[in-house]
Amino acid sequence: AIETNIRLRRPQAARNAVHRLLANTDEVIARS
């Protein structure tokens, strides 16, 4: 999703996609 939004030149969508990825990683660390 990050790659797609960067490729399509959608700054806000790319920003949001990174936030979703980071939130997922935060959850993994919290579970561990």
ModelCIF file with pLDDT and N, C-alpha, C, O atoms, coordinates in Angstrom:
data_MODEL
#
_entry.id   MODEL 
#
_entity.id                         1 
_entity.type                       polymer 
_entity.pdbx_number_of_molecules   1 
#
_entity_poly.entity_id                      1 
_entity_poly.type                           'polypeptide(L)' 
_entity_poly.nstd_linkage                   no 
_entity_poly.nstd_monomer                   no 
_entity_poly.pdbx_seq_one_letter_code       AIETNIRLRRPQAARNAVHRLLANTDEVIARS 
_entity_poly.pdbx_seq_one_letter_code_can   AIETNIRLRRPQAARNAVHRLLANTDEVIARS 
_entity_poly.pdbx_strand_id                 A 
#
loop_
_entity_poly_seq.entity_id 
_entity_poly_seq.num 
_entity_poly_seq.mon_id 
_entity_poly_seq.hetero 
1 1  ALA n 
1 2  ILE n 
1 3  GLU n 
1 4  THR n 
1 5  ASN n 
1 6  ILE n 
1 7  ARG n 
1 8  LEU n 
1 9  ARG n 
1 10 ARG n 
1 11 PRO n 
1 12 GLN n 
1 13 ALA n 
1 14 ALA n 
1 15 ARG n 
1 16 ASN n 
1 17 ALA n 
1 18 VAL n 
1 19 HIS n 
1 20 ARG n 
1 21 LEU n 
1 22 LEU n 
1 23 ALA n 
1 24 ASN n 
1 25 THR n 
1 26 ASP n 
1 27 GLU n 
1 28 VAL n 
1 29 ILE n 
1 30 ALA n 
1 31 ARG n 
1 32 SER n 
#
_struct_asym.id          A 
_struct_asym.entity_id   1 
#
loop_
_ma_qa_metric.id 
_ma_qa_metric.mode 
_ma_qa_metric.name 
_ma_qa_metric.software_group_id 
_ma_qa_metric.type 
1 global pLDDT . pLDDT 
2 local  pLDDT . pLDDT 
#
_ma_qa_metric_global.metric_id      1 
_ma_qa_metric_global.metric_value   93.88 
_ma_qa_metric_global.model_id       1 
_ma_qa_metric_global.ordinal_id     1 
#
loop_
_ma_qa_metric_local.label_asym_id 
_ma_qa_metric_local.label_comp_id 
_ma_qa_metric_local.label_seq_id 
_ma_qa_metric_local.metric_id 
_ma_qa_metric_local.metric_value 
_ma_qa_metric_local.model_id 
_ma_qa_metric_local.ordinal_id 
A ALA 1  2 98.00 1 1  
A ILE 2  2 98.00 1 2  
A GLU 3  2 98.00 1 3  
A THR 4  2 98.00 1 4  
A ASN 5  2 98.00 1 5  
A ILE 6  2 98.00 1 6  
A ARG 7  2 98.00 1 7  
A LEU 8  2 98.00 1 8  
A ARG 9  2 98.00 1 9  
A ARG 10 2 98.00 1 10 
A PRO 11 2 98.00 1 11 
A GLN 12 2 98.00 1 12 
A ALA 13 2 98.00 1 13 
A ALA 14 2 98.00 1 14 
A ARG 15 2 98.00 1 15 
A ASN 16 2 98.00 1 16 
A ALA 17 2 98.00 1 17 
A VAL 18 2 98.00 1 18 
A HIS 19 2 98.00 1 19 
A ARG 20 2 97.00 1 20 
A LEU 21 2 95.00 1 21 
A LEU 22 2 95.00 1 22 
A ALA 23 2 95.00 1 23 
A ASN 24 2 90.00 1 24 
A THR 25 2 90.00 1 25 
A ASP 26 2 91.00 1 26 
A GLU 27 2 88.00 1 27 
A VAL 28 2 83.00 1 28 
A ILE 29 2 84.00 1 29 
A ALA 30 2 84.00 1 30 
A ARG 31 2 79.00 1 31 
A SER 32 2 71.00 1 32 
#
loop_
_atom_site.group_PDB 
_atom_site.id 
_atom_site.type_symbol 
_atom_site.label_atom_id 
_atom_site.label_alt_id 
_atom_site.label_comp_id 
_atom_site.label_asym_id 
_atom_site.label_entity_id 
_atom_site.label_seq_id 
_atom_site.pdbx_PDB_ins_code 
_atom_site.Cartn_x 
_atom_site.Cartn_y 
_atom_site.Cartn_z 
_atom_site.occupancy 
_atom_site.B_iso_or_equiv 
_atom_site.pdbx_formal_charge 
_atom_site.auth_seq_id 
_atom_site.auth_comp_id 
_atom_site.auth_asym_id 
_atom_site.auth_atom_id 
_atom_site.pdbx_PDB_model_num 
ATOM 1   N N  . ALA A 1 1  ? 0.836  -1.207  0.000  1.00 98.00 ? 1  ALA A N  1 
ATOM 2   C CA . ALA A 1 1  ? 0.000  0.000   0.000  1.00 98.00 ? 1  ALA A CA 1 
ATOM 3   C C  . ALA A 1 1  ? 0.870  1.256   0.000  1.00 98.00 ? 1  ALA A C  1 
ATOM 4   O O  . ALA A 1 1  ? 0.550  2.244   -0.662 1.00 98.00 ? 1  ALA A O  1 
ATOM 5   N N  . ILE A 1 2  ? 1.959  1.207   0.742  1.00 98.00 ? 2  ILE A N  1 
ATOM 6   C CA . ILE A 1 2  ? 2.888  2.343   0.746  1.00 98.00 ? 2  ILE A CA 1 
ATOM 7   C C  . ILE A 1 2  ? 3.488  2.535   -0.642 1.00 98.00 ? 2  ILE A C  1 
ATOM 8   O O  . ILE A 1 2  ? 3.533  3.647   -1.166 1.00 98.00 ? 2  ILE A O  1 
ATOM 9   N N  . GLU A 1 3  ? 3.948  1.429   -1.227 1.00 98.00 ? 3  GLU A N  1 
ATOM 10  C CA . GLU A 1 3  ? 4.560  1.491   -2.564 1.00 98.00 ? 3  GLU A CA 1 
ATOM 11  C C  . GLU A 1 3  ? 3.574  2.045   -3.594 1.00 98.00 ? 3  GLU A C  1 
ATOM 12  O O  . GLU A 1 3  ? 3.937  2.885   -4.417 1.00 98.00 ? 3  GLU A O  1 
ATOM 13  N N  . THR A 1 4  ? 2.340  1.577   -3.546 1.00 98.00 ? 4  THR A N  1 
ATOM 14  C CA . THR A 1 4  ? 1.332  2.013   -4.517 1.00 98.00 ? 4  THR A CA 1 
ATOM 15  C C  . THR A 1 4  ? 1.069  3.508   -4.418 1.00 98.00 ? 4  THR A C  1 
ATOM 16  O O  . THR A 1 4  ? 1.012  4.200   -5.434 1.00 98.00 ? 4  THR A O  1 
ATOM 17  N N  . ASN A 1 5  ? 0.910  4.003   -3.207 1.00 98.00 ? 5  ASN A N  1 
ATOM 18  C CA . ASN A 1 5  ? 0.576  5.413   -3.029 1.00 98.00 ? 5  ASN A CA 1 
ATOM 19  C C  . ASN A 1 5  ? 1.747  6.335   -3.334 1.00 98.00 ? 5  ASN A C  1 
ATOM 20  O O  . ASN A 1 5  ? 1.549  7.462   -3.787 1.00 98.00 ? 5  ASN A O  1 
ATOM 21  N N  . ILE A 1 6  ? 2.953  5.868   -3.092 1.00 98.00 ? 6  ILE A N  1 
ATOM 22  C CA . ILE A 1 6  ? 4.110  6.666   -3.507 1.00 98.00 ? 6  ILE A CA 1 
ATOM 23  C C  . ILE A 1 6  ? 4.176  6.693   -5.036 1.00 98.00 ? 6  ILE A C  1 
ATOM 24  O O  . ILE A 1 6  ? 4.385  7.747   -5.635 1.00 98.00 ? 6  ILE A O  1 
ATOM 25  N N  . ARG A 1 7  ? 3.996  5.532   -5.657 1.00 98.00 ? 7  ARG A N  1 
ATOM 26  C CA . ARG A 1 7  ? 4.072  5.440   -7.125 1.00 98.00 ? 7  ARG A CA 1 
ATOM 27  C C  . ARG A 1 7  ? 3.013  6.310   -7.796 1.00 98.00 ? 7  ARG A C  1 
ATOM 28  O O  . ARG A 1 7  ? 3.275  6.925   -8.830 1.00 98.00 ? 7  ARG A O  1 
ATOM 29  N N  . LEU A 1 8  ? 1.820  6.361   -7.209 1.00 98.00 ? 8  LEU A N  1 
ATOM 30  C CA . LEU A 1 8  ? 0.725  7.143   -7.778 1.00 98.00 ? 8  LEU A CA 1 
ATOM 31  C C  . LEU A 1 8  ? 0.753  8.605   -7.322 1.00 98.00 ? 8  LEU A C  1 
ATOM 32  O O  . LEU A 1 8  ? -0.156 9.379   -7.624 1.00 98.00 ? 8  LEU A O  1 
ATOM 33  N N  . ARG A 1 9  ? 1.782  8.957   -6.612 1.00 98.00 ? 9  ARG A N  1 
ATOM 34  C CA . ARG A 1 9  ? 2.002  10.341  -6.148 1.00 98.00 ? 9  ARG A CA 1 
ATOM 35  C C  . ARG A 1 9  ? 0.817  10.857  -5.321 1.00 98.00 ? 9  ARG A C  1 
ATOM 36  O O  . ARG A 1 9  ? 0.245  11.911  -5.595 1.00 98.00 ? 9  ARG A O  1 
ATOM 37  N N  . ARG A 1 10 ? 0.475  10.062  -4.294 1.00 98.00 ? 10 ARG A N  1 
ATOM 38  C CA . ARG A 1 10 ? -0.592 10.429  -3.358 1.00 98.00 ? 10 ARG A CA 1 
ATOM 39  C C  . ARG A 1 10 ? 0.035  10.653  -1.975 1.00 98.00 ? 10 ARG A C  1 
ATOM 40  O O  . ARG A 1 10 ? 0.086  9.721   -1.173 1.00 98.00 ? 10 ARG A O  1 
ATOM 41  N N  . PRO A 1 11 ? 0.505  11.849  -1.687 1.00 98.00 ? 11 PRO A N  1 
ATOM 42  C CA . PRO A 1 11 ? 1.235  12.108  -0.431 1.00 98.00 ? 11 PRO A CA 1 
ATOM 43  C C  . PRO A 1 11 ? 0.455  11.747  0.836  1.00 98.00 ? 11 PRO A C  1 
ATOM 44  O O  . PRO A 1 11 ? 0.981  11.058  1.710  1.00 98.00 ? 11 PRO A O  1 
ATOM 45  N N  . GLN A 1 12 ? -0.784 12.202  0.940  1.00 98.00 ? 12 GLN A N  1 
ATOM 46  C CA . GLN A 1 12 ? -1.546 11.928  2.154  1.00 98.00 ? 12 GLN A CA 1 
ATOM 47  C C  . GLN A 1 12 ? -1.840 10.438  2.305  1.00 98.00 ? 12 GLN A C  1 
ATOM 48  O O  . GLN A 1 12 ? -1.774 9.901   3.411  1.00 98.00 ? 12 GLN A O  1 
ATOM 49  N N  . ALA A 1 13 ? -2.159 9.778   1.212  1.00 98.00 ? 13 ALA A N  1 
ATOM 50  C CA . ALA A 1 13 ? -2.418 8.335   1.270  1.00 98.00 ? 13 ALA A CA 1 
ATOM 51  C C  . ALA A 1 13 ? -1.148 7.571   1.637  1.00 98.00 ? 13 ALA A C  1 
ATOM 52  O O  . ALA A 1 13 ? -1.209 6.592   2.380  1.00 98.00 ? 13 ALA A O  1 
ATOM 53  N N  . ALA A 1 14 ? 0.000  8.010   1.123  1.00 98.00 ? 14 ALA A N  1 
ATOM 54  C CA . ALA A 1 14 ? 1.270  7.367   1.467  1.00 98.00 ? 14 ALA A CA 1 
ATOM 55  C C  . ALA A 1 14 ? 1.569  7.554   2.947  1.00 98.00 ? 14 ALA A C  1 
ATOM 56  O O  . ALA A 1 14 ? 2.015  6.631   3.629  1.00 98.00 ? 14 ALA A O  1 
ATOM 57  N N  . ARG A 1 15 ? 1.314  8.774   3.435  1.00 98.00 ? 15 ARG A N  1 
ATOM 58  C CA . ARG A 1 15 ? 1.521  9.061   4.865  1.00 98.00 ? 15 ARG A CA 1 
ATOM 59  C C  . ARG A 1 15 ? 0.641  8.153   5.720  1.00 98.00 ? 15 ARG A C  1 
ATOM 60  O O  . ARG A 1 15 ? 1.111  7.572   6.698  1.00 98.00 ? 15 ARG A O  1 
ATOM 61  N N  . ASN A 1 16 ? -0.616 8.031   5.357  1.00 98.00 ? 16 ASN A N  1 
ATOM 62  C CA . ASN A 1 16 ? -1.547 7.185   6.120  1.00 98.00 ? 16 ASN A CA 1 
ATOM 63  C C  . ASN A 1 16 ? -1.152 5.715   6.058  1.00 98.00 ? 16 ASN A C  1 
ATOM 64  O O  . ASN A 1 16 ? -1.299 4.987   7.040  1.00 98.00 ? 16 ASN A O  1 
ATOM 65  N N  . ALA A 1 17 ? -0.659 5.286   4.920  1.00 98.00 ? 17 ALA A N  1 
ATOM 66  C CA . ALA A 1 17 ? -0.245 3.882   4.774  1.00 98.00 ? 17 ALA A CA 1 
ATOM 67  C C  . ALA A 1 17 ? 0.933  3.565   5.698  1.00 98.00 ? 17 ALA A C  1 
ATOM 68  O O  . ALA A 1 17 ? 1.000  2.479   6.272  1.00 98.00 ? 17 ALA A O  1 
ATOM 69  N N  . VAL A 1 18 ? 1.845  4.502   5.837  1.00 98.00 ? 18 VAL A N  1 
ATOM 70  C CA . VAL A 1 18 ? 2.965  4.301   6.760  1.00 98.00 ? 18 VAL A CA 1 
ATOM 71  C C  . VAL A 1 18 ? 2.460  4.245   8.195  1.00 98.00 ? 18 VAL A C  1 
ATOM 72  O O  . VAL A 1 18 ? 2.918  3.414   8.979  1.00 98.00 ? 18 VAL A O  1 
ATOM 73  N N  . HIS A 1 19 ? 1.532  5.111   8.543  1.00 98.00 ? 19 HIS A N  1 
ATOM 74  C CA . HIS A 1 19 ? 0.971  5.077   9.900  1.00 98.00 ? 19 HIS A CA 1 
ATOM 75  C C  . HIS A 1 19 ? 0.340  3.721   10.191 1.00 98.00 ? 19 HIS A C  1 
ATOM 76  O O  . HIS A 1 19 ? 0.471  3.207   11.302 1.00 98.00 ? 19 HIS A O  1 
ATOM 77  N N  . ARG A 1 20 ? -0.338 3.138   9.215  1.00 97.00 ? 20 ARG A N  1 
ATOM 78  C CA . ARG A 1 20 ? -0.943 1.813   9.427  1.00 97.00 ? 20 ARG A CA 1 
ATOM 79  C C  . ARG A 1 20 ? 0.123  0.749   9.631  1.00 97.00 ? 20 ARG A C  1 
ATOM 80  O O  . ARG A 1 20 ? -0.029 -0.124  10.486 1.00 97.00 ? 20 ARG A O  1 
ATOM 81  N N  . LEU A 1 21 ? 1.198  0.809   8.858  1.00 95.00 ? 21 LEU A N  1 
ATOM 82  C CA . LEU A 1 21 ? 2.285  -0.165  9.014  1.00 95.00 ? 21 LEU A CA 1 
ATOM 83  C C  . LEU A 1 21 ? 2.930  -0.031  10.390 1.00 95.00 ? 21 LEU A C  1 
ATOM 84  O O  . LEU A 1 21 ? 3.192  -1.033  11.055 1.00 95.00 ? 21 LEU A O  1 
ATOM 85  N N  . LEU A 1 22 ? 3.186  1.201   10.815 1.00 95.00 ? 22 LEU A N  1 
ATOM 86  C CA . LEU A 1 22 ? 3.825  1.419   12.113 1.00 95.00 ? 22 LEU A CA 1 
ATOM 87  C C  . LEU A 1 22 ? 2.916  0.952   13.249 1.00 95.00 ? 22 LEU A C  1 
ATOM 88  O O  . LEU A 1 22 ? 3.398  0.395   14.235 1.00 95.00 ? 22 LEU A O  1 
ATOM 89  N N  . ALA A 1 23 ? 1.614  1.171   13.119 1.00 95.00 ? 23 ALA A N  1 
ATOM 90  C CA . ALA A 1 23 ? 0.678  0.714   14.143 1.00 95.00 ? 23 ALA A CA 1 
ATOM 91  C C  . ALA A 1 23 ? 0.701  -0.811  14.242 1.00 95.00 ? 23 ALA A C  1 
ATOM 92  O O  . ALA A 1 23 ? 0.623  -1.371  15.335 1.00 95.00 ? 23 ALA A O  1 
ATOM 93  N N  . ASN A 1 24 ? 0.810  -1.472  13.102 1.00 90.00 ? 24 ASN A N  1 
ATOM 94  C CA . ASN A 1 24 ? 0.892  -2.932  13.095 1.00 90.00 ? 24 ASN A CA 1 
ATOM 95  C C  . ASN A 1 24 ? 2.161  -3.404  13.808 1.00 90.00 ? 24 ASN A C  1 
ATOM 96  O O  . ASN A 1 24 ? 2.131  -4.354  14.591 1.00 90.00 ? 24 ASN A O  1 
ATOM 97  N N  . THR A 1 25 ? 3.266  -2.730  13.527 1.00 90.00 ? 25 THR A N  1 
ATOM 98  C CA . THR A 1 25 ? 4.529  -3.093  14.184 1.00 90.00 ? 25 THR A CA 1 
ATOM 99  C C  . THR A 1 25 ? 4.460  -2.832  15.678 1.00 90.00 ? 25 THR A C  1 
ATOM 100 O O  . THR A 1 25 ? 4.969  -3.625  16.470 1.00 90.00 ? 25 THR A O  1 
ATOM 101 N N  . ASP A 1 26 ? 3.836  -1.731  16.071 1.00 91.00 ? 26 ASP A N  1 
ATOM 102 C CA . ASP A 1 26 ? 3.664  -1.435  17.495 1.00 91.00 ? 26 ASP A CA 1 
ATOM 103 C C  . ASP A 1 26 ? 2.909  -2.565  18.201 1.00 91.00 ? 26 ASP A C  1 
ATOM 104 O O  . ASP A 1 26 ? 3.248  -2.943  19.322 1.00 91.00 ? 26 ASP A O  1 
ATOM 105 N N  . GLU A 1 27 ? 1.894  -3.093  17.539 1.00 88.00 ? 27 GLU A N  1 
ATOM 106 C CA . GLU A 1 27 ? 1.106  -4.183  18.121 1.00 88.00 ? 27 GLU A CA 1 
ATOM 107 C C  . GLU A 1 27 ? 1.957  -5.439  18.297 1.00 88.00 ? 27 GLU A C  1 
ATOM 108 O O  . GLU A 1 27 ? 1.842  -6.135  19.306 1.00 88.00 ? 27 GLU A O  1 
ATOM 109 N N  . VAL A 1 28 ? 2.808  -5.724  17.318 1.00 83.00 ? 28 VAL A N  1 
ATOM 110 C CA . VAL A 1 28 ? 3.661  -6.906  17.403 1.00 83.00 ? 28 VAL A CA 1 
ATOM 111 C C  . VAL A 1 28 ? 4.607  -6.780  18.588 1.00 83.00 ? 28 VAL A C  1 
ATOM 112 O O  . VAL A 1 28 ? 4.789  -7.736  19.342 1.00 83.00 ? 28 VAL A O  1 
ATOM 113 N N  . ILE A 1 29 ? 5.210  -5.607  18.756 1.00 84.00 ? 29 ILE A N  1 
ATOM 114 C CA . ILE A 1 29 ? 6.138  -5.388  19.869 1.00 84.00 ? 29 ILE A CA 1 
ATOM 115 C C  . ILE A 1 29 ? 5.416  -5.494  21.195 1.00 84.00 ? 29 ILE A C  1 
ATOM 116 O O  . ILE A 1 29 ? 5.935  -6.087  22.140 1.00 84.00 ? 29 ILE A O  1 
ATOM 117 N N  . ALA A 1 30 ? 4.216  -4.921  21.277 1.00 84.00 ? 30 ALA A N  1 
ATOM 118 C CA . ALA A 1 30 ? 3.435  -4.973  22.517 1.00 84.00 ? 30 ALA A CA 1 
ATOM 119 C C  . ALA A 1 30 ? 3.084  -6.413  22.894 1.00 84.00 ? 30 ALA A C  1 
ATOM 120 O O  . ALA A 1 30 ? 3.165  -6.795  24.062 1.00 84.00 ? 30 ALA A O  1 
ATOM 121 N N  . ARG A 1 31 ? 2.691  -7.209  21.889 1.00 79.00 ? 31 ARG A N  1 
ATOM 122 C CA . ARG A 1 31 ? 2.370  -8.604  22.152 1.00 79.00 ? 31 ARG A CA 1 
ATOM 123 C C  . ARG A 1 31 ? 3.581  -9.389  22.625 1.00 79.00 ? 31 ARG A C  1 
ATOM 124 O O  . ARG A 1 31 ? 3.464  -10.280 23.467 1.00 79.00 ? 31 ARG A O  1 
ATOM 125 N N  . SER A 1 32 ? 4.730  -9.059  22.087 1.00 71.00 ? 32 SER A N  1 
ATOM 126 C CA . SER A 1 32 ? 5.946  -9.810  22.456 1.00 71.00 ? 32 SER A CA 1 
ATOM 127 C C  . SER A 1 32 ? 6.336  -9.573  23.904 1.00 71.00 ? 32 SER A C  1 
ATOM 128 O O  . SER A 1 32 ? 7.330  -10.127 24.374 1.00 71.00 ? 32 SER A O  1 
#
